[in-house]
Amino acid sequence: MTNEWLKDNRKGLMASLVAAVYVKFLLLPTATFFYEAYHLLKLDFLYIGYQVFKAAGYAMSGWDYSNLTVVVVTVTVFLIYRLMKMLGRKKTKSQKAA
């Protein structure tokens, strides 16, 4: 039962894990990427992206509820995956009936 559930939901679990790692560890490196891209390409929206990711990265690094935020993001991503999967099943069932 458990192995079957894990097998059926492995894509959603992996997406949740990737989102959690990104929010926890990769916000500041993303800010650095936007900063370097801005200096290379001189596009203003890249500097705005740099500011947003820099602020989010610093907020996550010093915030007391950062771990709770990571858990909420992880659960939200998984629930969105499950909802999309259930809606896809309903769509295929209605297509088979027609």
C-alpha atoms as a PDB file:
ATOM      1  CA  MET A   1       0.000   0.000   0.000  1.00  0.00           C
ATOM      2  CA  THR A   2       2.687   2.502   1.012  1.00  0.00           C
ATOM      3  CA  ASN A   3       5.014   1.557  -1.837  1.00  0.00           C
ATOM      4  CA  GLU A   4       2.186   1.933  -4.324  1.00  0.00           C
ATOM      5  CA  TRP A   5       1.285   5.381  -2.956  1.00  0.00           C
ATOM      6  CA  LEU A   6       4.927   6.473  -3.133  1.00  0.00           C
ATOM      7  CA  LYS A   7       5.216   5.150  -6.687  1.00  0.00           C
ATOM      8  CA  ASP A   8       2.033   6.968  -7.764  1.00  0.00           C
ATOM      9  CA  ASN A   9       3.117  10.270  -6.207  1.00  0.00           C
ATOM     10  CA  ARG A  10       6.862  10.287  -6.792  1.00  0.00           C
ATOM     11  CA  LYS A  11       6.737  13.210  -9.246  1.00  0.00           C
ATOM     12  CA  GLY A  12       4.804  15.352  -6.786  1.00  0.00           C
ATOM     13  CA  LEU A  13       7.094  14.405  -3.928  1.00  0.00           C
ATOM     14  CA  MET A  14      10.176  15.254  -5.994  1.00  0.00           C
ATOM     15  CA  ALA A  15       8.681  18.601  -7.068  1.00  0.00           C
ATOM     16  CA  SER A  16       7.924  19.355  -3.412  1.00  0.00           C
ATOM     17  CA  LEU A  17      11.449  18.460  -2.384  1.00  0.00           C
ATOM     18  CA  VAL A  18      12.971  20.615  -5.134  1.00  0.00           C
ATOM     19  CA  ALA A  19      10.776  23.569  -4.125  1.00  0.00           C
ATOM     20  CA  ALA A  20      11.786  23.174  -0.472  1.00  0.00           C
ATOM     21  CA  VAL A  21      15.504  23.056  -1.272  1.00  0.00           C
ATOM     22  CA  TYR A  22      15.141  26.064  -3.567  1.00  0.00           C
ATOM     23  CA  VAL A  23      13.345  28.183  -0.968  1.00  0.00           C
ATOM     24  CA  LYS A  24      15.735  27.146   1.803  1.00  0.00           C
ATOM     25  CA  PHE A  25      19.098  27.385   0.024  1.00  0.00           C
ATOM     26  CA  LEU A  26      18.931  28.888  -3.460  1.00  0.00           C
ATOM     27  CA  LEU A  27      17.281  32.305  -3.149  1.00  0.00           C
ATOM     28  CA  LEU A  28      20.560  34.192  -2.640  1.00  0.00           C
ATOM     29  CA  PRO A  29      22.391  32.362  -5.469  1.00  0.00           C
ATOM     30  CA  THR A  30      19.453  33.236  -7.739  1.00  0.00           C
ATOM     31  CA  ALA A  31      19.877  36.881  -6.721  1.00  0.00           C
ATOM     32  CA  THR A  32      23.535  36.673  -7.696  1.00  0.00           C
ATOM     33  CA  PHE A  33      22.555  35.231 -11.072  1.00  0.00           C
ATOM     34  CA  PHE A  34      20.146  38.123 -11.713  1.00  0.00           C
ATOM     35  CA  TYR A  35      22.812  40.626 -10.609  1.00  0.00           C
ATOM     36  CA  GLU A  36      25.407  39.240 -13.004  1.00  0.00           C
ATOM     37  CA  ALA A  37      22.869  38.978 -15.826  1.00  0.00           C
ATOM     38  CA  TYR A  38      21.873  42.606 -15.269  1.00  0.00           C
ATOM     39  CA  HIS A  39      25.476  43.774 -15.608  1.00  0.00           C
ATOM     40  CA  LEU A  40      25.962  41.652 -18.679  1.00  0.00           C
ATOM     41  CA  LEU A  41      22.735  42.537 -20.521  1.00  0.00           C
ATOM     42  CA  LYS A  42      21.785  45.930 -18.961  1.00  0.00           C
ATOM     43  CA  LEU A  43      18.083  45.035 -18.752  1.00  0.00           C
ATOM     44  CA  ASP A  44      16.270  46.798 -15.907  1.00  0.00           C
ATOM     45  CA  PHE A  45      13.877  43.958 -15.098  1.00  0.00           C
ATOM     46  CA  LEU A  46      16.885  41.776 -14.237  1.00  0.00           C
ATOM     47  CA  TYR A  47      17.897  44.257 -11.541  1.00  0.00           C
ATOM     48  CA  ILE A  48      14.366  44.150 -10.149  1.00  0.00           C
ATOM     49  CA  GLY A  49      14.636  40.353 -10.051  1.00  0.00           C
ATOM     50  CA  TYR A  50      17.937  40.732  -8.218  1.00  0.00           C
ATOM     51  CA  GLN A  51      16.315  42.983  -5.609  1.00  0.00           C
ATOM     52  CA  VAL A  52      13.363  40.655  -5.090  1.00  0.00           C
ATOM     53  CA  PHE A  53      15.466  37.509  -4.673  1.00  0.00           C
ATOM     54  CA  LYS A  54      18.026  39.301  -2.504  1.00  0.00           C
ATOM     55  CA  ALA A  55      15.308  40.554  -0.143  1.00  0.00           C
ATOM     56  CA  ALA A  56      13.615  37.136  -0.061  1.00  0.00           C
ATOM     57  CA  GLY A  57      16.924  35.394   0.592  1.00  0.00           C
ATOM     58  CA  TYR A  58      17.847  37.656   3.467  1.00  0.00           C
ATOM     59  CA  ALA A  59      14.351  37.447   4.903  1.00  0.00           C
ATOM     60  CA  MET A  60      14.468  33.644   4.825  1.00  0.00           C
ATOM     61  CA  SER A  61      17.938  33.506   6.360  1.00  0.00           C
ATOM     62  CA  GLY A  62      17.091  35.635   9.379  1.00  0.00           C
ATOM     63  CA  TRP A  63      13.406  34.955   9.913  1.00  0.00           C
ATOM     64  CA  ASP A  64      12.284  32.853  12.867  1.00  0.00           C
ATOM     65  CA  TYR A  65       9.612  31.104  10.809  1.00  0.00           C
ATOM     66  CA  SER A  66      11.744  30.204   7.803  1.00  0.00           C
ATOM     67  CA  ASN A  67      11.538  26.460   8.478  1.00  0.00           C
ATOM     68  CA  LEU A  68       7.770  26.673   8.834  1.00  0.00           C
ATOM     69  CA  THR A  69       7.649  28.554   5.534  1.00  0.00           C
ATOM     70  CA  VAL A  70       9.630  25.790   3.832  1.00  0.00           C
ATOM     71  CA  VAL A  71       7.196  23.192   5.168  1.00  0.00           C
ATOM     72  CA  VAL A  72       4.199  25.232   3.987  1.00  0.00           C
ATOM     73  CA  VAL A  73       5.724  25.639   0.508  1.00  0.00           C
ATOM     74  CA  THR A  74       6.453  21.914   0.339  1.00  0.00           C
ATOM     75  CA  VAL A  75       2.939  20.895   1.335  1.00  0.00           C
ATOM     76  CA  THR A  76       1.388  23.471  -1.002  1.00  0.00           C
ATOM     77  CA  VAL A  77       3.377  22.230  -4.000  1.00  0.00           C
ATOM     78  CA  PHE A  78       2.390  18.642  -3.255  1.00  0.00           C
ATOM     79  CA  LEU A  79      -1.290  19.535  -2.839  1.00  0.00           C
ATOM     80  CA  ILE A  80      -1.262  21.409  -6.150  1.00  0.00           C
ATOM     81  CA  TYR A  81       0.268  18.339  -7.791  1.00  0.00           C
ATOM     82  CA  ARG A  82      -2.436  16.084  -6.315  1.00  0.00           C
ATOM     83  CA  LEU A  83      -5.194  18.474  -7.409  1.00  0.00           C
ATOM     84  CA  MET A  84      -3.860  18.592 -10.969  1.00  0.00           C
ATOM     85  CA  LYS A  85      -3.579  14.797 -11.003  1.00  0.00           C
ATOM     86  CA  MET A  86      -7.166  14.358  -9.793  1.00  0.00           C
ATOM     87  CA  LEU A  87      -8.478  16.865 -12.336  1.00  0.00           C
ATOM     88  CA  GLY A  88      -6.597  15.015 -15.072  1.00  0.00           C
ATOM     89  CA  ARG A  89      -8.199  11.720 -14.051  1.00  0.00           C
ATOM     90  CA  LYS A  90     -11.677  13.245 -14.160  1.00  0.00           C
ATOM     91  CA  LYS A  91     -10.987  14.663 -17.610  1.00  0.00           C
ATOM     92  CA  THR A  92      -9.834  11.314 -19.012  1.00  0.00           C
ATOM     93  CA  LYS A  93     -12.810   9.512 -17.459  1.00  0.00           C
ATOM     94  CA  SER A  94     -15.233  11.962 -19.065  1.00  0.00           C
ATOM     95  CA  GLN A  95     -13.454  11.631 -22.417  1.00  0.00           C
ATOM     96  CA  LYS A  96     -13.716   7.817 -22.273  1.00  0.00           C
ATOM     97  CA  ALA A  97     -17.450   8.015 -21.465  1.00  0.00           C
ATOM     98  CA  ALA A  98     -18.177  10.219 -24.481  1.00  0.00           C
END
